[in-house]
C-alpha cells in the first residue's frame, strides 16, 4: 500500500515519524527497534525520548520529522487504543515502504 500523505491522524503520523527515527538513528542508538511497542502504546511519554535518538545532522530526516511534527496537535496522546495502534502500524509500514523502494 502506498504512503498516505493526506492522513493526518496522530497515530498514523507518529508511525511515520517512528520509521524515520528508526532509519536515521544517532550514533550509539542502534536498538531503536526495542522501542516500537512502547511508542505504539504510549507515544506521549516515549516520543520525547525517541526524538533525541535520531541523527539531527541528517537534513532530509530532520526536514521530514519537522514537517510531520507540524501536522500534530499538541500534546501528544498519552496512549493509543487498538484501532489507533493499527493506524500507527500502517504509518510505520508505509514510511518504511518508501525507504525500501529506494
N, C-alpha and C. Protein backbone atom coordinates (compact mmCIF):
# COMPACT_ATOMS: atom_id res chain seq x y z
N UNK A 1 0.84 -1.19 0.00
CA UNK A 1 0.00 0.00 0.00
C UNK A 1 0.88 1.24 0.00
N UNK A 2 0.51 2.25 -0.76
CA UNK A 2 1.34 3.45 -0.82
C UNK A 2 1.18 4.34 0.41
N UNK A 3 2.15 5.20 0.58
CA UNK A 3 2.14 6.18 1.66
C UNK A 3 0.93 7.09 1.50
N UNK A 4 0.20 7.31 2.58
CA UNK A 4 -0.99 8.17 2.56
C UNK A 4 -0.61 9.54 3.12
N UNK A 5 -0.17 10.42 2.24
CA UNK A 5 0.29 11.74 2.68
C UNK A 5 -0.86 12.63 3.14
N UNK A 6 -2.10 12.23 2.85
CA UNK A 6 -3.26 13.01 3.29
C UNK A 6 -3.77 12.57 4.66
N UNK A 7 -3.22 11.51 5.21
CA UNK A 7 -3.65 11.00 6.51
C UNK A 7 -2.92 11.79 7.60
N UNK A 8 -3.65 12.62 8.31
CA UNK A 8 -3.07 13.47 9.34
C UNK A 8 -3.44 13.02 10.75
N UNK A 9 -3.98 11.80 10.89
CA UNK A 9 -4.30 11.33 12.23
C UNK A 9 -3.01 11.18 13.02
N UNK A 10 -3.06 11.50 14.30
CA UNK A 10 -1.86 11.49 15.13
C UNK A 10 -1.19 10.12 15.11
N UNK A 11 -1.96 9.06 15.20
CA UNK A 11 -1.38 7.73 15.26
C UNK A 11 -0.63 7.37 13.98
N UNK A 12 -1.19 7.69 12.82
CA UNK A 12 -0.54 7.41 11.53
C UNK A 12 0.74 8.23 11.40
N UNK A 13 0.66 9.51 11.72
CA UNK A 13 1.82 10.40 11.62
C UNK A 13 2.92 9.95 12.58
N UNK A 14 2.56 9.54 13.79
CA UNK A 14 3.56 9.06 14.75
C UNK A 14 4.24 7.79 14.24
N UNK A 15 3.49 6.93 13.59
CA UNK A 15 4.09 5.74 12.99
C UNK A 15 5.11 6.11 11.92
N UNK A 16 4.79 7.11 11.12
CA UNK A 16 5.72 7.57 10.09
C UNK A 16 6.97 8.16 10.74
N UNK A 17 6.79 8.95 11.80
CA UNK A 17 7.94 9.54 12.49
C UNK A 17 8.82 8.44 13.07
N UNK A 18 8.21 7.42 13.65
CA UNK A 18 8.99 6.32 14.20
C UNK A 18 9.85 5.67 13.12
N UNK A 19 9.29 5.48 11.93
CA UNK A 19 10.05 4.87 10.83
C UNK A 19 11.24 5.73 10.44
N UNK A 20 11.08 7.05 10.46
CA UNK A 20 12.19 7.95 10.12
C UNK A 20 13.28 7.85 11.19
N UNK A 21 12.88 7.85 12.45
CA UNK A 21 13.84 7.73 13.55
C UNK A 21 14.58 6.39 13.46
N UNK A 22 13.84 5.36 13.15
CA UNK A 22 14.41 4.02 13.02
C UNK A 22 15.43 3.97 11.88
N UNK A 23 15.15 4.68 10.82
CA UNK A 23 16.01 4.67 9.64
C UNK A 23 17.27 5.53 9.83
N UNK A 24 17.17 6.57 10.65
CA UNK A 24 18.28 7.52 10.83
C UNK A 24 18.64 7.68 12.30
N UNK A 25 19.08 6.60 12.96
CA UNK A 25 19.43 6.74 14.38
C UNK A 25 20.72 7.52 14.57
N UNK A 26 20.79 8.21 15.68
CA UNK A 26 22.02 8.90 16.05
C UNK A 26 23.05 7.84 16.43
N UNK A 27 24.30 8.12 16.20
CA UNK A 27 25.37 7.18 16.53
C UNK A 27 25.23 6.72 17.98
N UNK A 28 25.31 5.41 18.18
CA UNK A 28 25.20 4.85 19.51
C UNK A 28 23.80 4.38 19.86
N UNK A 29 22.81 4.70 19.03
CA UNK A 29 21.43 4.27 19.28
C UNK A 29 20.99 3.29 18.20
N UNK A 30 21.54 2.10 18.23
CA UNK A 30 21.24 1.11 17.20
C UNK A 30 20.08 0.21 17.55
N UNK A 31 19.56 0.29 18.75
CA UNK A 31 18.49 -0.59 19.19
C UNK A 31 17.14 0.12 19.24
N UNK A 32 16.86 0.92 18.25
CA UNK A 32 15.60 1.66 18.21
C UNK A 32 14.41 0.69 18.15
N UNK A 33 14.60 -0.48 17.53
CA UNK A 33 13.51 -1.45 17.37
C UNK A 33 12.87 -1.83 18.70
N UNK A 34 13.62 -1.82 19.76
CA UNK A 34 13.07 -2.24 21.04
C UNK A 34 12.04 -1.24 21.58
N UNK A 35 11.97 -0.06 20.98
CA UNK A 35 11.04 0.97 21.43
C UNK A 35 9.69 0.91 20.71
N UNK A 36 9.55 0.07 19.70
CA UNK A 36 8.35 0.07 18.87
C UNK A 36 7.07 -0.14 19.68
N UNK A 37 7.03 -1.18 20.50
CA UNK A 37 5.81 -1.47 21.27
C UNK A 37 5.45 -0.31 22.20
N UNK A 38 6.44 0.23 22.88
CA UNK A 38 6.18 1.34 23.80
C UNK A 38 5.74 2.59 23.04
N UNK A 39 6.36 2.85 21.90
CA UNK A 39 5.98 4.03 21.10
C UNK A 39 4.55 3.91 20.60
N UNK A 40 4.16 2.69 20.25
CA UNK A 40 2.82 2.47 19.74
C UNK A 40 1.77 2.55 20.84
N UNK A 41 2.11 2.13 22.04
CA UNK A 41 1.14 2.10 23.13
C UNK A 41 1.11 3.40 23.93
N UNK A 42 2.26 4.04 24.13
CA UNK A 42 2.36 5.23 24.98
C UNK A 42 3.21 6.31 24.30
N UNK A 43 2.72 6.87 23.20
CA UNK A 43 3.54 7.83 22.47
C UNK A 43 3.86 9.10 23.25
N UNK A 44 2.96 9.53 24.10
CA UNK A 44 3.17 10.79 24.83
C UNK A 44 4.39 10.78 25.72
N UNK A 45 4.73 9.61 26.25
CA UNK A 45 5.91 9.53 27.12
C UNK A 45 7.12 8.97 26.39
N UNK A 46 6.92 8.31 25.27
CA UNK A 46 8.02 7.67 24.55
C UNK A 46 8.65 8.58 23.51
N UNK A 47 7.86 9.34 22.78
CA UNK A 47 8.41 10.13 21.67
C UNK A 47 9.37 11.23 22.10
N UNK A 48 9.18 11.87 23.25
CA UNK A 48 10.21 12.83 23.64
C UNK A 48 11.61 12.19 23.73
N UNK A 49 11.68 10.95 24.20
CA UNK A 49 12.97 10.24 24.25
C UNK A 49 13.43 9.85 22.85
N UNK A 50 12.51 9.35 22.04
CA UNK A 50 12.86 8.91 20.69
C UNK A 50 13.38 10.06 19.84
N UNK A 51 12.79 11.23 20.00
CA UNK A 51 13.22 12.37 19.19
C UNK A 51 14.65 12.79 19.51
N UNK A 52 15.15 12.35 20.64
CA UNK A 52 16.56 12.57 20.98
C UNK A 52 17.48 11.56 20.31
N UNK A 53 16.91 10.50 19.77
CA UNK A 53 17.70 9.38 19.28
C UNK A 53 17.96 9.39 17.78
N UNK A 54 17.44 10.36 17.06
CA UNK A 54 17.71 10.33 15.62
C UNK A 54 18.79 11.33 15.28
N UNK A 55 19.37 11.14 14.12
CA UNK A 55 20.50 11.95 13.67
C UNK A 55 20.00 13.30 13.17
N UNK A 56 20.09 14.30 14.03
CA UNK A 56 19.61 15.65 13.68
C UNK A 56 20.47 16.29 12.59
N UNK A 57 21.63 15.72 12.33
CA UNK A 57 22.51 16.27 11.30
C UNK A 57 22.12 15.79 9.91
N UNK A 58 21.25 14.81 9.83
CA UNK A 58 20.74 14.35 8.55
C UNK A 58 19.61 15.31 8.15
N UNK A 59 19.92 16.21 7.23
CA UNK A 59 18.98 17.28 6.88
C UNK A 59 17.65 16.76 6.34
N UNK A 60 17.71 15.72 5.51
CA UNK A 60 16.47 15.19 4.94
C UNK A 60 15.58 14.61 6.03
N UNK A 61 16.16 13.85 6.94
CA UNK A 61 15.39 13.27 8.05
C UNK A 61 14.85 14.37 8.94
N UNK A 62 15.67 15.36 9.22
CA UNK A 62 15.25 16.47 10.08
C UNK A 62 14.08 17.24 9.47
N UNK A 63 14.14 17.51 8.17
CA UNK A 63 13.04 18.22 7.49
C UNK A 63 11.76 17.39 7.51
N UNK A 64 11.90 16.08 7.26
CA UNK A 64 10.72 15.21 7.24
C UNK A 64 10.08 15.13 8.62
N UNK A 65 10.89 14.93 9.65
CA UNK A 65 10.33 14.87 11.01
C UNK A 65 9.70 16.19 11.40
N UNK A 66 10.33 17.30 11.06
CA UNK A 66 9.77 18.61 11.37
C UNK A 66 8.43 18.79 10.67
N UNK A 67 8.35 18.42 9.40
CA UNK A 67 7.10 18.54 8.65
C UNK A 67 6.01 17.66 9.24
N UNK A 68 6.38 16.44 9.64
CA UNK A 68 5.39 15.55 10.24
C UNK A 68 4.96 16.05 11.61
N UNK A 69 5.89 16.53 12.40
CA UNK A 69 5.55 17.06 13.73
C UNK A 69 4.60 18.25 13.61
N UNK A 70 4.75 19.04 12.57
CA UNK A 70 3.87 20.19 12.37
C UNK A 70 2.43 19.79 12.08
N UNK A 71 2.21 18.54 11.70
CA UNK A 71 0.85 18.05 11.46
C UNK A 71 0.15 17.65 12.75
N UNK A 72 0.92 17.47 13.81
CA UNK A 72 0.35 17.02 15.08
C UNK A 72 -0.16 18.18 15.91
N UNK A 73 -1.20 17.92 16.65
CA UNK A 73 -1.74 18.90 17.58
C UNK A 73 -1.24 18.52 18.97
N UNK A 74 -0.60 19.46 19.64
CA UNK A 74 -0.05 19.18 20.98
C UNK A 74 -1.19 19.08 21.98
N UNK A 75 -1.06 18.34 23.01
CA UNK A 75 0.05 17.45 23.33
C UNK A 75 -0.10 16.11 22.61
N UNK A 76 0.98 15.34 22.58
CA UNK A 76 0.91 14.00 22.01
C UNK A 76 -0.03 13.15 22.86
N UNK A 77 -0.75 12.23 22.23
CA UNK A 77 -1.64 11.37 23.03
C UNK A 77 -0.81 10.51 23.99
N UNK A 78 -1.26 10.39 25.22
CA UNK A 78 -0.54 9.58 26.20
C UNK A 78 -0.60 8.11 25.85
N UNK A 79 -1.76 7.65 25.37
CA UNK A 79 -1.92 6.24 24.99
C UNK A 79 -2.67 6.16 23.67
N UNK A 80 -2.55 5.01 23.02
CA UNK A 80 -3.30 4.74 21.80
C UNK A 80 -4.11 3.48 22.02
N UNK A 81 -5.40 3.52 21.62
CA UNK A 81 -6.21 2.31 21.71
C UNK A 81 -5.83 1.38 20.56
N UNK A 82 -6.45 0.21 20.50
CA UNK A 82 -6.09 -0.80 19.49
C UNK A 82 -6.27 -0.29 18.06
N UNK A 83 -7.32 0.46 17.83
CA UNK A 83 -7.56 0.98 16.48
C UNK A 83 -6.47 1.97 16.10
N UNK A 84 -6.12 2.86 17.02
CA UNK A 84 -5.05 3.82 16.75
C UNK A 84 -3.69 3.12 16.64
N UNK A 85 -3.50 2.04 17.38
CA UNK A 85 -2.25 1.29 17.25
C UNK A 85 -2.13 0.68 15.86
N UNK A 86 -3.25 0.23 15.30
CA UNK A 86 -3.19 -0.31 13.94
C UNK A 86 -2.89 0.80 12.93
N UNK A 87 -3.40 2.00 13.18
CA UNK A 87 -3.09 3.14 12.31
C UNK A 87 -1.61 3.50 12.43
N UNK A 88 -1.06 3.45 13.64
CA UNK A 88 0.37 3.68 13.86
C UNK A 88 1.18 2.68 13.03
N UNK A 89 0.78 1.40 13.09
CA UNK A 89 1.50 0.36 12.34
C UNK A 89 1.45 0.62 10.84
N UNK A 90 0.31 1.08 10.35
CA UNK A 90 0.20 1.40 8.92
C UNK A 90 1.14 2.55 8.54
N UNK A 91 1.14 3.60 9.35
CA UNK A 91 2.04 4.73 9.06
C UNK A 91 3.49 4.30 9.08
N UNK A 92 3.86 3.48 10.06
CA UNK A 92 5.22 2.97 10.17
C UNK A 92 5.58 2.12 8.96
N UNK A 93 4.68 1.21 8.60
CA UNK A 93 4.94 0.31 7.46
C UNK A 93 4.98 1.07 6.14
N UNK A 94 4.07 2.02 5.96
CA UNK A 94 4.06 2.78 4.72
C UNK A 94 5.33 3.61 4.56
N UNK A 95 5.78 4.25 5.64
CA UNK A 95 7.01 5.05 5.57
C UNK A 95 8.21 4.15 5.32
N UNK A 96 8.24 2.98 5.94
CA UNK A 96 9.33 2.03 5.69
C UNK A 96 9.30 1.58 4.23
N UNK A 97 8.11 1.43 3.66
CA UNK A 97 7.98 1.05 2.26
C UNK A 97 8.63 2.07 1.33
N UNK A 98 8.54 3.34 1.70
CA UNK A 98 9.18 4.39 0.90
C UNK A 98 10.69 4.17 0.91
N UNK A 99 11.25 3.87 2.08
CA UNK A 99 12.70 3.63 2.17
C UNK A 99 13.11 2.36 1.43
N UNK A 100 12.31 1.32 1.54
CA UNK A 100 12.65 0.05 0.89
C UNK A 100 12.56 0.17 -0.62
N UNK A 101 11.67 1.03 -1.12
CA UNK A 101 11.54 1.22 -2.56
C UNK A 101 12.73 1.98 -3.12
N UNK A 102 13.42 2.69 -2.23
CA UNK A 102 14.64 3.35 -2.62
C UNK A 102 14.47 4.64 -3.25
